[in-house]
PDB file of N, CA and C in Angstrom:
ATOM      1  N   MET A   1      87.481 170.925  61.345  1.00  0.00           N
ATOM      2  CA  MET A   1      88.120 172.225  61.388  1.00  0.00           C
ATOM      3  C   MET A   1      87.900 172.931  60.051  1.00  0.00           C
ATOM      4  N   THR A   2      87.418 174.126  60.130  1.00  0.00           N
ATOM      5  CA  THR A   2      87.199 174.909  58.915  1.00  0.00           C
ATOM      6  C   THR A   2      88.248 176.005  58.846  1.00  0.00           C
ATOM      7  N   MET A   3      88.702 176.272  57.625  1.00  0.00           N
ATOM      8  CA  MET A   3      89.702 177.321  57.436  1.00  0.00           C
ATOM      9  C   MET A   3      88.986 178.593  56.995  1.00  0.00           C
ATOM     10  N   LYS A   4      89.389 179.689  57.595  1.00  0.00           N
ATOM     11  CA  LYS A   4      88.812 180.987  57.252  1.00  0.00           C
ATOM     12  C   LYS A   4      89.976 181.889  56.845  1.00  0.00           C
ATOM     13  N   PHE A   5      89.974 182.323  55.599  1.00  0.00           N
ATOM     14  CA  PHE A   5      91.078 183.140  55.105  1.00  0.00           C
ATOM     15  C   PHE A   5      90.798 184.600  55.368  1.00  0.00           C
ATOM     16  N   GLN A   6      91.785 185.280  55.949  1.00  0.00           N
ATOM     17  CA  GLN A   6      91.663 186.707  56.168  1.00  0.00           C
ATOM     18  C   GLN A   6      92.542 187.434  55.151  1.00  0.00           C
ATOM     19  N   GLY A   7      92.694 188.714  55.314  1.00  0.00           N
ATOM     20  CA  GLY A   7      93.382 189.504  54.311  1.00  0.00           C
ATOM     21  C   GLY A   7      94.864 189.205  54.201  1.00  0.00           C
ATOM     22  N   ASN A   8      95.498 188.738  55.296  1.00  0.00           N
ATOM     23  CA  ASN A   8      96.941 188.536  55.222  1.00  0.00           C
ATOM     24  C   ASN A   8      97.317 187.142  54.695  1.00  0.00           C
ATOM     25  N   CYS A   9      96.345 186.391  54.229  1.00  0.00           N
ATOM     26  CA  CYS A   9      96.544 185.091  53.577  1.00  0.00           C
ATOM     27  C   CYS A   9      97.196 184.056  54.494  1.00  0.00           C
ATOM     28  N   ILE A  10      97.086 184.235  55.790  1.00  0.00           N
ATOM     29  CA  ILE A  10      97.528 183.192  56.721  1.00  0.00           C
ATOM     30  C   ILE A  10      96.282 182.435  57.162  1.00  0.00           C
ATOM     31  N   PRO A  11      96.222 181.138  56.930  1.00  0.00           N
ATOM     32  CA  PRO A  11      94.991 180.418  57.281  1.00  0.00           C
ATOM     33  C   PRO A  11      94.763 180.409  58.790  1.00  0.00           C
ATOM     34  N   GLN A  12      93.611 180.834  59.203  1.00  0.00           N
ATOM     35  CA  GLN A  12      93.222 180.825  60.610  1.00  0.00           C
ATOM     36  C   GLN A  12      92.296 179.640  60.844  1.00  0.00           C
ATOM     37  N   PHE A  13      92.684 178.762  61.782  1.00  0.00           N
ATOM     38  CA  PHE A  13      91.872 177.590  62.056  1.00  0.00           C
ATOM     39  C   PHE A  13      90.885 177.908  63.174  1.00  0.00           C
ATOM     40  N   LYS A  14      89.625 177.680  62.883  1.00  0.00           N
ATOM     41  CA  LYS A  14      88.587 177.900  63.884  1.00  0.00           C
ATOM     42  C   LYS A  14      88.312 176.570  64.584  1.00  0.00           C
ATOM     43  N   GLN A  15      88.462 176.538  65.903  1.00  0.00           N
ATOM     44  CA  GLN A  15      88.246 175.304  66.658  1.00  0.00           C
ATOM     45  C   GLN A  15      86.761 174.965  66.673  1.00  0.00           C
ATOM     46  N   GLN A  16      86.480 173.684  66.468  1.00  0.00           N
ATOM     47  CA  GLN A  16      85.087 173.270  66.417  1.00  0.00           C
ATOM     48  C   GLN A  16      84.965 171.934  67.132  1.00  0.00           C
ATOM     49  N   ASP A  17      83.823 171.694  67.712  1.00  0.00           N
ATOM     50  CA  ASP A  17      83.633 170.480  68.493  1.00  0.00           C
ATOM     51  C   ASP A  17      83.643 169.260  67.580  1.00  0.00           C
ATOM     52  N   TYR A  18      84.245 168.180  68.094  1.00  0.00           N
ATOM     53  CA  TYR A  18      84.272 166.948  67.320  1.00  0.00           C
ATOM     54  C   TYR A  18      83.010 166.147  67.590  1.00  0.00           C
ATOM     55  N   ASP A  19      82.515 165.540  66.547  1.00  0.00           N
ATOM     56  CA  ASP A  19      81.345 164.686  66.708  1.00  0.00           C
ATOM     57  C   ASP A  19      81.779 163.312  67.202  1.00  0.00           C
ATOM     58  N   ILE A  20      80.800 162.507  67.566  1.00  0.00           N
ATOM     59  CA  ILE A  20      81.112 161.152  68.033  1.00  0.00           C
ATOM     60  C   ILE A  20      81.647 160.305  66.884  1.00  0.00           C
ATOM     61  N   ILE A  21      81.262 160.631  65.647  1.00  0.00           N
ATOM     62  CA  ILE A  21      81.733 159.834  64.499  1.00  0.00           C
ATOM     63  C   ILE A  21      83.231 160.036  64.294  1.00  0.00           C
ATOM     64  N   ASP A  22      83.751 161.211  64.657  1.00  0.00           N
ATOM     65  CA  ASP A  22      85.190 161.436  64.533  1.00  0.00           C
ATOM     66  C   ASP A  22      85.961 160.529  65.487  1.00  0.00           C
ATOM     67  N   TYR A  23      85.451 160.412  66.722  1.00  0.00           N
ATOM     68  CA  TYR A  23      86.117 159.531  67.678  1.00  0.00           C
ATOM     69  C   TYR A  23      86.027 158.070  67.239  1.00  0.00           C
ATOM     70  N   ILE A  24      84.873 157.676  66.702  1.00  0.00           N
ATOM     71  CA  ILE A  24      84.710 156.291  66.250  1.00  0.00           C
ATOM     72  C   ILE A  24      85.666 155.998  65.103  1.00  0.00           C
ATOM     73  N   LEU A  25      85.758 156.926  64.159  1.00  0.00           N
ATOM     74  CA  LEU A  25      86.672 156.723  63.027  1.00  0.00           C
ATOM     75  C   LEU A  25      88.121 156.687  63.494  1.00  0.00           C
ATOM     76  N   PHE A  26      88.457 157.532  64.457  1.00  0.00           N
ATOM     77  CA  PHE A  26      89.821 157.540  64.972  1.00  0.00           C
ATOM     78  C   PHE A  26      90.171 156.198  65.615  1.00  0.00           C
ATOM     79  N   PHE A  27      89.256 155.661  66.420  1.00  0.00           N
ATOM     80  CA  PHE A  27      89.545 154.384  67.082  1.00  0.00           C
ATOM     81  C   PHE A  27      89.558 153.234  66.084  1.00  0.00           C
ATOM     82  N   ILE A  28      88.734 153.305  65.035  1.00  0.00           N
ATOM     83  CA  ILE A  28      88.771 152.259  64.007  1.00  0.00           C
ATOM     84  C   ILE A  28      90.112 152.285  63.291  1.00  0.00           C
ATOM     85  N   ILE A  29      90.603 153.472  62.942  1.00  0.00           N
ATOM     86  CA  ILE A  29      91.901 153.587  62.268  1.00  0.00           C
ATOM     87  C   ILE A  29      93.016 153.130  63.199  1.00  0.00           C
ATOM     88  N   LEU A  30      92.936 153.516  64.468  1.00  0.00           N
ATOM     89  CA  LEU A  30      93.956 153.108  65.436  1.00  0.00           C
ATOM     90  C   LEU A  30      93.986 151.594  65.600  1.00  0.00           C
ATOM     91  N   LEU A  31      92.823 150.981  65.729  1.00  0.00           N
ATOM     92  CA  LEU A  31      92.766 149.521  65.862  1.00  0.00           C
ATOM     93  C   LEU A  31      93.274 148.829  64.602  1.00  0.00           C
ATOM     94  N   THR A  32      92.983 149.411  63.436  1.00  0.00           N
ATOM     95  CA  THR A  32      93.474 148.823  62.188  1.00  0.00           C
ATOM     96  C   THR A  32      94.997 148.838  62.157  1.00  0.00           C
ATOM     97  N   PHE A  33      95.611 149.960  62.536  1.00  0.00           N
ATOM     98  CA  PHE A  33      97.069 150.027  62.564  1.00  0.00           C
ATOM     99  C   PHE A  33      97.648 149.054  63.578  1.00  0.00           C
ATOM    100  N   LEU A  34      96.999 148.921  64.732  1.00  0.00           N
ATOM    101  CA  LEU A  34      97.503 147.991  65.742  1.00  0.00           C
ATOM    102  C   LEU A  34      97.422 146.547  65.261  1.00  0.00           C
ATOM    103  N   VAL A  35      96.344 146.194  64.578  1.00  0.00           N
ATOM    104  CA  VAL A  35      96.200 144.829  64.068  1.00  0.00           C
ATOM    105  C   VAL A  35      97.231 144.548  62.989  1.00  0.00           C
ATOM    106  N   VAL A  36      97.441 145.512  62.094  1.00  0.00           N
ATOM    107  CA  VAL A  36      98.444 145.327  61.042  1.00  0.00           C
ATOM    108  C   VAL A  36      99.841 145.202  61.649  1.00  0.00           C
ATOM    109  N   TYR A  37     100.133 146.012  62.669  1.00  0.00           N
ATOM    110  CA  TYR A  37     101.428 145.942  63.345  1.00  0.00           C
ATOM    111  C   TYR A  37     101.613 144.591  64.036  1.00  0.00           C
ATOM    112  N   ALA A  38     100.556 144.090  64.667  1.00  0.00           N
ATOM    113  CA  ALA A  38     100.652 142.800  65.350  1.00  0.00           C
ATOM    114  C   ALA A  38     100.889 141.672  64.355  1.00  0.00           C
ATOM    115  N   ILE A  39     100.194 141.701  63.223  1.00  0.00           N
ATOM    116  CA  ILE A  39     100.363 140.638  62.223  1.00  0.00           C
ATOM    117  C   ILE A  39     101.764 140.691  61.635  1.00  0.00           C
ATOM    118  N   LEU A  40     102.247 141.889  61.301  1.00  0.00           N
ATOM    119  CA  LEU A  40     103.583 142.005  60.715  1.00  0.00           C
ATOM    120  C   LEU A  40     104.665 141.583  61.695  1.00  0.00           C
ATOM    121  N   SER A  41     104.530 141.979  62.957  1.00  0.00           N
ATOM    122  CA  SER A  41     105.550 141.594  63.932  1.00  0.00           C
ATOM    123  C   SER A  41     105.522 140.091  64.170  1.00  0.00           C
ATOM    124  N   TYR A  42     104.331 139.486  64.157  1.00  0.00           N
ATOM    125  CA  TYR A  42     104.258 138.028  64.307  1.00  0.00           C
ATOM    126  C   TYR A  42     104.936 137.329  63.138  1.00  0.00           C
ATOM    127  N   LEU A  43     104.689 137.822  61.934  1.00  0.00           N
ATOM    128  CA  LEU A  43     105.303 137.191  60.758  1.00  0.00           C
ATOM    129  C   LEU A  43     106.822 137.329  60.792  1.00  0.00           C
ATOM    130  N   ILE A  44     107.315 138.501  61.204  1.00  0.00           N
ATOM    131  CA  ILE A  44     108.764 138.703  61.270  1.00  0.00           C
ATOM    132  C   ILE A  44     109.381 137.788  62.323  1.00  0.00           C
ATOM    133  N   LEU A  45     108.729 137.702  63.499  1.00  0.00           N
ATOM    134  CA  LEU A  45     109.261 136.823  64.542  1.00  0.00           C
ATOM    135  C   LEU A  45     109.207 135.364  64.122  1.00  0.00           C
ATOM    136  N   TYR A  46     108.158 134.970  63.397  1.00  0.00           N
ATOM    137  CA  TYR A  46     108.057 133.583  62.930  1.00  0.00           C
ATOM    138  C   TYR A  46     109.149 133.284  61.905  1.00  0.00           C
ATOM    139  N   ALA A  47     109.422 134.243  61.014  1.00  0.00           N
ATOM    140  CA  ALA A  47     110.488 134.050  60.030  1.00  0.00           C
ATOM    141  C   ALA A  47     111.846 133.955  60.726  1.00  0.00           C
ATOM    142  N   LEU A  48     112.073 134.788  61.747  1.00  0.00           N
ATOM    143  CA  LEU A  48     113.329 134.707  62.499  1.00  0.00           C
ATOM    144  C   LEU A  48     113.453 133.365  63.214  1.00  0.00           C
ATOM    145  N   LYS A  49     112.343 132.858  63.746  1.00  0.00           N
ATOM    146  CA  LYS A  49     112.364 131.574  64.433  1.00  0.00           C
ATOM    147  C   LYS A  49     112.707 130.458  63.454  1.00  0.00           C
ATOM    148  N   LEU A  50     112.124 130.500  62.258  1.00  0.00           N
ATOM    149  CA  LEU A  50     112.444 129.482  61.251  1.00  0.00           C
ATOM    150  C   LEU A  50     113.913 129.551  60.861  1.00  0.00           C
ATOM    151  N   ALA A  51     114.428 130.778  60.692  1.00  0.00           N
ATOM    152  CA  ALA A  51     115.825 130.924  60.290  1.00  0.00           C
ATOM    153  C   ALA A  51     116.760 130.429  61.392  1.00  0.00           C
ATOM    154  N   THR A  52     116.458 130.755  62.641  1.00  0.00           N
ATOM    155  CA  THR A  52     117.337 130.306  63.716  1.00  0.00           C
ATOM    156  C   THR A  52     117.236 128.799  63.924  1.00  0.00           C
ATOM    157  N   ASP A  53     116.054 128.226  63.691  1.00  0.00           N
ATOM    158  CA  ASP A  53     115.949 126.769  63.787  1.00  0.00           C
ATOM    159  C   ASP A  53     116.805 126.088  62.723  1.00  0.00           C
ATOM    160  N   LYS A  54     116.806 126.650  61.511  1.00  0.00           N
ATOM    161  CA  LYS A  54     117.650 126.069  60.460  1.00  0.00           C
ATOM    162  C   LYS A  54     119.126 126.217  60.806  1.00  0.00           C
ATOM    163  N   LEU A  55     119.480 127.400  61.346  1.00  0.00           N
ATOM    164  CA  LEU A  55     120.880 127.602  61.730  1.00  0.00           C
ATOM    165  C   LEU A  55     121.280 126.664  62.856  1.00  0.00           C
ATOM    166  N   LYS A  56     120.396 126.481  63.839  1.00  0.00           N
ATOM    167  CA  LYS A  56     120.715 125.579  64.940  1.00  0.00           C
ATOM    168  C   LYS A  56     120.909 124.157  64.428  1.00  0.00           C
ATOM    169  N   LYS A  57     120.057 123.754  63.461  1.00  0.00           N
ATOM    170  CA  LYS A  57     120.174 122.406  62.925  1.00  0.00           C
ATOM    171  C   LYS A  57     121.504 122.234  62.194  1.00  0.00           C
ATOM    172  N   SER A  58     121.877 123.240  61.403  1.00  0.00           N
ATOM    173  CA  SER A  58     123.118 123.108  60.643  1.00  0.00           C
ATOM    174  C   SER A  58     124.334 123.194  61.564  1.00  0.00           C
ATOM    175  N   PHE A  59     124.236 123.979  62.637  1.00  0.00           N
ATOM    176  CA  PHE A  59     125.374 124.082  63.547  1.00  0.00           C
ATOM    177  C   PHE A  59     125.478 122.880  64.471  1.00  0.00           C
ATOM    178  N   SER A  60     124.349 122.252  64.789  1.00  0.00           N
ATOM    179  CA  SER A  60     124.414 121.126  65.714  1.00  0.00           C
ATOM    180  C   SER A  60     125.134 119.948  65.074  1.00  0.00           C
ATOM    181  N   VAL A  61     124.972 119.776  63.766  1.00  0.00           N
ATOM    182  CA  VAL A  61     125.666 118.677  63.086  1.00  0.00           C
ATOM    183  C   VAL A  61     127.157 118.961  63.020  1.00  0.00           C
ATOM    184  N   SER A  62     127.511 120.208  62.651  1.00  0.00           N
ATOM    185  CA  SER A  62     128.925 120.499  62.474  1.00  0.00           C
ATOM    186  C   SER A  62     129.631 120.694  63.816  1.00  0.00           C
ATOM    187  N   ALA A  63     128.912 121.142  64.831  1.00  0.00           N
ATOM    188  CA  ALA A  63     129.559 121.402  66.112  1.00  0.00           C
ATOM    189  C   ALA A  63     129.886 120.102  66.833  1.00  0.00           C
ATOM    190  N   SER A  64     129.140 119.042  66.587  1.00  0.00           N
ATOM    191  CA  SER A  64     129.419 117.785  67.284  1.00  0.00           C
ATOM    192  C   SER A  64     130.685 117.137  66.736  1.00  0.00           C
ATOM    193  N   THR A  65     130.989 117.348  65.473  1.00  0.00           N
ATOM    194  CA  THR A  65     132.183 116.742  64.878  1.00  0.00           C
ATOM    195  C   THR A  65     133.370 117.704  64.853  1.00  0.00           C
ATOM    196  N   MET A  66     133.126 118.965  65.227  1.00  0.00           N
ATOM    197  CA  MET A  66     134.201 119.951  65.119  1.00  0.00           C
ATOM    198  C   MET A  66     135.116 119.875  66.343  1.00  0.00           C
ATOM    199  N   ARG A  67     136.410 119.986  66.116  1.00  0.00           N
ATOM    200  CA  ARG A  67     137.375 119.941  67.208  1.00  0.00           C
ATOM    201  C   ARG A  67     137.819 121.362  67.520  1.00  0.00           C
ATOM    202  N   ILE A  68     137.996 121.653  68.779  1.00  0.00           N
ATOM    203  CA  ILE A  68     138.455 122.985  69.165  1.00  0.00           C
ATOM    204  C   ILE A  68     139.931 123.090  68.824  1.00  0.00           C
ATOM    205  N   PRO A  69     140.357 124.098  68.080  1.00  0.00           N
ATOM    206  CA  PRO A  69     141.742 124.116  67.572  1.00  0.00           C
ATOM    207  C   PRO A  69     142.790 124.177  68.676  1.00  0.00           C
ATOM    208  N   ASN A  70     142.626 125.037  69.663  1.00  0.00           N
ATOM    209  CA  ASN A  70     143.672 125.209  70.664  1.00  0.00           C
ATOM    210  C   ASN A  70     143.369 124.486  71.967  1.00  0.00           C
ATOM    211  N   GLY A  71     142.280 123.783  72.024  1.00  0.00           N
ATOM    212  CA  GLY A  71     141.913 123.120  73.260  1.00  0.00           C
ATOM    213  C   GLY A  71     141.291 124.099  74.228  1.00  0.00           C
ATOM    214  N   PRO A  72     140.858 123.624  75.369  1.00  0.00           N
ATOM    215  CA  PRO A  72     140.226 124.526  76.341  1.00  0.00           C
ATOM    216  C   PRO A  72     141.234 125.490  76.950  1.00  0.00           C
ATOM    217  N   ALA A  73     140.748 126.668  77.295  1.00  0.00           N
ATOM    218  CA  ALA A  73     141.630 127.661  77.910  1.00  0.00           C
ATOM    219  C   ALA A  73     141.913 127.255  79.355  1.00  0.00           C
ATOM    220  N   ARG A  74     143.177 127.367  79.758  1.00  0.00           N
ATOM    221  CA  ARG A  74     143.549 126.954  81.126  1.00  0.00           C
ATOM    222  C   ARG A  74     143.952 128.156  81.937  1.00  0.00           C
TER     223      ARG A  74
END
């Protein structure tokens, strides 16, 4: 897109055909963002899995020896 300035100083955009290289660059950038998003989401989910596994381990030891204070609800 080329800008052509007229007398009123409002930029007028002249529509121009896109080349094939523009589409290729767009898809390369899009794929790059998708790959980065996939890697980051995998790392976050893996970190959450590690944290919940540690929590489950710590709760499983304490929950087996813990007594319910008021007993079961009747």
